[in-house]
Protein backbone atom coordinates (compact mmCIF):
# COMPACT_ATOMS: atom_id res chain seq x y z
CA MET A 1 12.52 7.49 6.24
CA ASP A 2 11.83 4.10 6.88
CA PRO A 3 12.14 2.25 9.75
CA LEU A 4 15.32 0.44 10.41
CA GLN A 5 15.59 -1.59 13.80
CA THR A 6 17.93 -3.57 15.24
CA ILE A 7 17.29 -7.29 15.01
CA ALA A 8 18.77 -10.63 15.47
CA GLY A 9 22.25 -8.54 16.00
CA GLY A 10 22.01 -6.92 12.73
CA THR A 11 20.35 -3.84 11.12
CA PHE A 12 16.73 -4.49 9.11
CA GLY A 13 14.59 -2.46 7.12
CA ILE A 14 12.75 -1.78 3.93
CA GLY A 15 13.63 0.51 1.32
CA LYS A 16 11.89 2.68 -0.87
CA SER A 17 12.76 0.47 -3.59
CA ASN A 18 10.91 -2.09 -2.03
CA ARG A 19 14.44 -3.79 -1.20
CA ILE A 20 14.77 -5.73 2.10
CA GLY A 21 18.31 -5.22 3.78
CA PHE A 22 19.75 -6.99 6.66
CA GLY A 23 22.40 -6.51 7.46
CA ALA A 24 25.16 -4.93 5.13
CA GLY A 25 21.91 -1.96 4.72
CA LEU A 26 19.42 -1.51 2.16
CA THR A 27 21.89 -1.35 -0.42
CA ALA A 28 22.83 -4.98 -0.17
CA THR A 29 22.15 -7.12 -3.55
CA PRO A 30 20.04 -10.83 -2.39
CA THR A 31 23.08 -12.47 -2.70
CA GLU A 32 24.98 -10.31 -0.39
CA GLN A 33 21.98 -10.12 1.91
CA ALA A 34 21.67 -14.02 2.06
CA SER A 35 25.30 -14.25 3.03
CA ASN A 36 25.14 -11.52 5.77
CA LEU A 37 22.69 -13.80 7.30
CA GLY A 38 25.24 -16.31 8.09
CA GLY A 39 22.91 -18.94 7.07
CA ALA A 40 20.01 -17.96 8.76
CA SER A 41 16.71 -20.00 7.46
CA PHE A 42 14.05 -17.73 6.76
CA THR A 43 12.06 -18.59 9.58
CA GLU A 44 14.83 -17.86 11.80
CA VAL A 45 15.51 -14.62 11.10
CA ILE A 46 11.40 -13.68 11.30
CA GLY A 47 11.29 -15.46 14.32
CA ALA A 48 14.28 -13.33 15.74
CA ALA A 49 12.30 -9.90 14.02
CA VAL A 50 9.42 -11.30 16.31
CA ASP A 51 11.45 -11.71 19.31
CA LYS A 52 12.99 -8.28 19.09
CA VAL A 53 9.67 -6.65 18.46
CA SER A 54 8.38 -8.39 21.67
CA GLU A 55 11.51 -7.04 23.68
CA LEU A 56 10.91 -4.21 22.85
CA GLN A 57 7.39 -4.11 23.39
CA GLY A 58 8.12 -5.59 26.72
CA GLU A 59 10.94 -3.09 27.48
CA SER A 60 8.01 0.10 26.82
CA SER A 61 5.52 -1.31 29.05
CA SER A 62 7.90 -2.10 31.14
CA LEU A 63 9.49 1.61 31.48
CA SER A 64 5.75 2.91 31.37
CA LYS A 65 4.49 0.82 34.16
CA ASP A 66 7.78 2.38 36.57
CA PHE A 67 6.69 6.05 35.23
CA GLN A 68 3.20 5.91 36.15
CA LEU A 69 3.88 4.50 39.33
CA GLU A 70 7.07 6.64 39.92
CA LYS A 71 9.54 3.75 40.85
CA GLY A 72 13.08 4.50 40.54
CA ASP A 73 14.17 7.51 38.30
CA VAL A 74 12.39 6.62 34.97
CA GLY A 75 12.12 9.63 32.96
CA LEU A 76 9.40 10.51 30.59
CA GLU A 77 12.03 10.94 28.03
CA GLU A 78 13.32 7.09 28.23
CA THR A 79 9.53 6.07 28.44
CA MET A 80 9.01 7.75 25.03
CA ILE A 81 11.83 6.90 23.29
CA ALA A 82 11.05 2.87 24.22
CA MET A 83 7.51 3.12 22.91
CA GLN A 84 8.65 4.95 19.86
CA LYS A 85 11.10 2.02 19.47
CA ALA A 86 8.28 -0.64 20.13
CA SER A 87 6.49 1.38 17.59
CA LEU A 88 8.17 1.06 14.79
CA GLY A 89 9.60 -1.93 15.33
CA PHE A 90 5.82 -3.48 15.04
CA GLN A 91 5.75 -1.03 11.73
CA ALA A 92 8.40 -2.74 10.25
CA ALA A 93 7.15 -5.93 11.01
CA VAL A 94 4.06 -5.39 9.68
CA GLN A 95 5.87 -4.31 6.37
CA VAL A 96 8.07 -6.97 5.88
CA ARG A 97 4.65 -9.58 6.18
CA ASN A 98 2.80 -7.49 3.48
CA LYS A 99 6.08 -8.13 1.44
CA VAL A 100 6.19 -11.43 1.82
CA VAL A 101 2.14 -12.23 1.68
CA GLN A 102 2.42 -10.01 -1.63
CA ALA A 103 5.38 -12.29 -2.86
CA TYR A 104 3.43 -15.12 -2.40
CA ASN A 105 0.75 -14.06 -4.28
CA ASP A 106 2.80 -13.06 -6.79
CA ILE A 107 4.32 -16.36 -7.37
CA MET A 108 1.20 -18.37 -6.85
CA ASN A 109 -0.62 -16.08 -9.37
CA MET A 110 2.46 -17.12 -12.01
CA PRO A 111 1.16 -18.91 -15.29
CA VAL A 112 2.74 -22.10 -15.42
């Protein structure tokens, strides 16, 4: 199963068919996906994704540090879940980046 992350208030993921889904899920058509973004530009969506991954990594780092220093009532389970969320978010961002680069290369290599 491909990772799903909540990014900018929607569900984001890449399905086995290499379709990128945002908002309505992995079965949305490109037109439905565009309408679900509420007029957000590509750079806004990518920026929100990067911000969310950064937020997840920061939370993971903070919980890990608190757990190691035995601050508060931070448990191992909570720390491990935060670490996995950060890892999955990063993997999803890398997959999106790879798909965008692949699409760009395909467009650039099209005969005119």
